[in-house]
Amino acid sequence: MNRTDVLIAIAEVARTGGASAPEDAISQLAVIIDGLELSSRGSEQVVEMLLRIGACLWNLQQDRMRL
C-alpha cells in the first residue's frame, strides 16, 4: 500500500464510523510497538513515529475529557 492508498483507507474507515476512540488507539499502538522487532534496521525511527502518533492521540483524549 502506498501513502495515498493509506490516506484514502484511513479516510474511508473514519467516514464509515470505524475509527477507534483515542484511548483504544493508544492501546492498539502499544500492542504494535510491543510486537516490533527492535533489532531491525530503522525500527527506532518507526517506534519514534508511533510514539508521536500516540502522543497526538493522548492529547486528543485529554482535550476530549476536558469538554
N, C-alpha and C. Protein backbone atom coordinates (compact mmCIF):
# COMPACT_ATOMS: atom_id res chain seq x y z
N MET A 1 0.85 -1.18 0.00
CA MET A 1 0.00 0.00 0.00
C MET A 1 0.89 1.24 0.00
N ASN A 2 0.65 2.14 -0.92
CA ASN A 2 1.44 3.37 -0.92
C ASN A 2 0.74 4.42 -0.02
N ARG A 3 1.42 5.52 0.19
CA ARG A 3 0.93 6.54 1.12
C ARG A 3 -0.46 7.06 0.74
N THR A 4 -0.69 7.28 -0.54
CA THR A 4 -2.01 7.76 -0.99
C THR A 4 -3.09 6.75 -0.67
N ASP A 5 -2.82 5.48 -0.94
CA ASP A 5 -3.78 4.42 -0.63
C ASP A 5 -4.08 4.37 0.87
N VAL A 6 -3.05 4.54 1.67
CA VAL A 6 -3.22 4.52 3.13
C VAL A 6 -4.11 5.67 3.57
N LEU A 7 -3.86 6.87 3.06
CA LEU A 7 -4.66 8.03 3.44
C LEU A 7 -6.12 7.85 3.01
N ILE A 8 -6.33 7.30 1.83
CA ILE A 8 -7.69 7.04 1.37
C ILE A 8 -8.36 6.01 2.28
N ALA A 9 -7.64 4.96 2.65
CA ALA A 9 -8.19 3.93 3.53
C ALA A 9 -8.53 4.50 4.90
N ILE A 10 -7.66 5.35 5.43
CA ILE A 10 -7.92 5.99 6.73
C ILE A 10 -9.19 6.84 6.64
N ALA A 11 -9.29 7.64 5.61
CA ALA A 11 -10.47 8.49 5.45
C ALA A 11 -11.74 7.66 5.32
N GLU A 12 -11.66 6.53 4.62
CA GLU A 12 -12.81 5.66 4.45
C GLU A 12 -13.23 5.02 5.78
N VAL A 13 -12.26 4.55 6.55
CA VAL A 13 -12.58 3.98 7.86
C VAL A 13 -13.24 5.04 8.75
N ALA A 14 -12.70 6.25 8.74
CA ALA A 14 -13.28 7.34 9.54
C ALA A 14 -14.69 7.67 9.06
N ARG A 15 -14.88 7.70 7.74
CA ARG A 15 -16.18 8.05 7.16
C ARG A 15 -17.25 7.02 7.52
N THR A 16 -16.87 5.76 7.58
CA THR A 16 -17.84 4.70 7.83
C THR A 16 -18.02 4.40 9.32
N GLY A 17 -17.41 5.22 10.17
CA GLY A 17 -17.60 5.05 11.61
C GLY A 17 -16.72 3.99 12.24
N GLY A 18 -15.66 3.60 11.57
CA GLY A 18 -14.79 2.55 12.09
C GLY A 18 -13.60 3.04 12.89
N ALA A 19 -13.54 4.33 13.14
CA ALA A 19 -12.39 4.88 13.87
C ALA A 19 -12.42 4.42 15.33
N SER A 20 -11.26 4.16 15.86
CA SER A 20 -11.14 3.81 17.28
C SER A 20 -11.23 5.08 18.12
N ALA A 21 -11.68 4.92 19.34
CA ALA A 21 -11.60 6.02 20.30
C ALA A 21 -10.12 6.24 20.61
N PRO A 22 -9.72 7.48 20.94
CA PRO A 22 -8.30 7.73 21.21
C PRO A 22 -7.68 6.77 22.22
N GLU A 23 -8.40 6.45 23.30
CA GLU A 23 -7.83 5.56 24.31
C GLU A 23 -7.62 4.15 23.76
N ASP A 24 -8.51 3.70 22.88
CA ASP A 24 -8.34 2.39 22.25
C ASP A 24 -7.19 2.42 21.25
N ALA A 25 -7.08 3.52 20.51
CA ALA A 25 -5.99 3.66 19.54
C ALA A 25 -4.64 3.66 20.25
N ILE A 26 -4.55 4.29 21.40
CA ILE A 26 -3.31 4.29 22.18
C ILE A 26 -2.95 2.87 22.58
N SER A 27 -3.93 2.11 23.04
CA SER A 27 -3.69 0.71 23.41
C SER A 27 -3.26 -0.12 22.21
N GLN A 28 -3.87 0.14 21.06
CA GLN A 28 -3.51 -0.59 19.84
C GLN A 28 -2.08 -0.26 19.43
N LEU A 29 -1.69 1.02 19.56
CA LEU A 29 -0.30 1.39 19.25
C LEU A 29 0.67 0.70 20.19
N ALA A 30 0.31 0.59 21.46
CA ALA A 30 1.18 -0.09 22.41
C ALA A 30 1.39 -1.55 22.01
N VAL A 31 0.33 -2.20 21.54
CA VAL A 31 0.43 -3.60 21.09
C VAL A 31 1.36 -3.68 19.87
N ILE A 32 1.20 -2.75 18.95
CA ILE A 32 2.03 -2.74 17.74
C ILE A 32 3.50 -2.53 18.11
N ILE A 33 3.77 -1.54 18.95
CA ILE A 33 5.15 -1.24 19.35
C ILE A 33 5.75 -2.43 20.09
N ASP A 34 4.96 -3.04 20.98
CA ASP A 34 5.45 -4.19 21.74
C ASP A 34 5.82 -5.34 20.82
N GLY A 35 5.12 -5.48 19.70
CA GLY A 35 5.37 -6.58 18.78
C GLY A 35 6.46 -6.32 17.75
N LEU A 36 7.00 -5.11 17.72
CA LEU A 36 8.03 -4.79 16.73
C LEU A 36 9.34 -5.49 17.07
N GLU A 37 10.05 -5.88 16.04
CA GLU A 37 11.39 -6.44 16.20
C GLU A 37 12.36 -5.26 16.25
N LEU A 38 12.77 -4.91 17.46
CA LEU A 38 13.55 -3.69 17.65
C LEU A 38 14.98 -3.80 17.13
N SER A 39 15.42 -4.99 16.81
CA SER A 39 16.76 -5.13 16.26
C SER A 39 16.79 -4.88 14.75
N SER A 40 15.62 -4.73 14.16
CA SER A 40 15.54 -4.47 12.72
C SER A 40 16.03 -3.07 12.40
N ARG A 41 16.61 -2.94 11.22
CA ARG A 41 17.09 -1.65 10.76
C ARG A 41 15.93 -0.68 10.61
N GLY A 42 16.08 0.51 11.14
CA GLY A 42 15.04 1.52 11.01
C GLY A 42 13.93 1.42 12.04
N SER A 43 14.01 0.41 12.91
CA SER A 43 12.92 0.24 13.88
C SER A 43 12.84 1.40 14.88
N GLU A 44 13.97 2.00 15.20
CA GLU A 44 13.95 3.13 16.13
C GLU A 44 13.13 4.28 15.55
N GLN A 45 13.27 4.53 14.25
CA GLN A 45 12.50 5.60 13.60
C GLN A 45 11.02 5.27 13.61
N VAL A 46 10.69 4.02 13.37
CA VAL A 46 9.28 3.60 13.36
C VAL A 46 8.69 3.77 14.76
N VAL A 47 9.43 3.33 15.78
CA VAL A 47 8.95 3.47 17.16
C VAL A 47 8.75 4.95 17.49
N GLU A 48 9.70 5.78 17.10
CA GLU A 48 9.57 7.22 17.37
C GLU A 48 8.33 7.80 16.70
N MET A 49 8.07 7.42 15.45
CA MET A 49 6.88 7.92 14.76
C MET A 49 5.61 7.43 15.44
N LEU A 50 5.58 6.17 15.84
CA LEU A 50 4.40 5.63 16.51
C LEU A 50 4.18 6.29 17.86
N LEU A 51 5.26 6.58 18.58
CA LEU A 51 5.13 7.27 19.86
C LEU A 51 4.58 8.69 19.67
N ARG A 52 5.00 9.35 18.60
CA ARG A 52 4.47 10.69 18.30
C ARG A 52 2.97 10.62 17.97
N ILE A 53 2.58 9.60 17.23
CA ILE A 53 1.15 9.41 16.95
C ILE A 53 0.41 9.15 18.24
N GLY A 54 0.98 8.30 19.10
CA GLY A 54 0.38 8.04 20.40
C GLY A 54 0.23 9.30 21.24
N ALA A 55 1.24 10.15 21.21
CA ALA A 55 1.18 11.41 21.96
C ALA A 55 0.08 12.31 21.40
N CYS A 56 -0.09 12.33 20.09
CA CYS A 56 -1.17 13.10 19.48
C CYS A 56 -2.52 12.58 19.97
N LEU A 57 -2.68 11.27 19.96
CA LEU A 57 -3.92 10.67 20.43
C LEU A 57 -4.14 10.96 21.91
N TRP A 58 -3.07 10.90 22.68
CA TRP A 58 -3.15 11.20 24.11
C TRP A 58 -3.69 12.61 24.32
N ASN A 59 -3.13 13.57 23.55
CA ASN A 59 -3.60 14.96 23.66
C ASN A 59 -5.06 15.09 23.26
N LEU A 60 -5.46 14.40 22.20
CA LEU A 60 -6.87 14.43 21.77
C LEU A 60 -7.77 13.87 22.87
N GLN A 61 -7.33 12.79 23.50
CA GLN A 61 -8.11 12.19 24.58
C GLN A 61 -8.23 13.16 25.75
N GLN A 62 -7.15 13.81 26.11
CA GLN A 62 -7.15 14.76 27.22
C GLN A 62 -8.08 15.94 26.90
N ASP A 63 -8.01 16.44 25.67
CA ASP A 63 -8.90 17.54 25.26
C ASP A 63 -10.35 17.12 25.33
N ARG A 64 -10.63 15.88 24.89
CA ARG A 64 -11.99 15.38 24.91
C ARG A 64 -12.52 15.25 26.34
N MET A 65 -11.64 14.89 27.26
CA MET A 65 -12.06 14.73 28.65
C MET A 65 -12.36 16.09 29.30
N ARG A 66 -11.74 17.16 28.78
CA ARG A 66 -11.97 18.50 29.33
C ARG A 66 -13.29 19.09 28.90
N LEU A 67 -13.85 18.58 27.80
CA LEU A 67 -15.11 19.14 27.26
C LEU A 67 -16.29 18.84 28.12
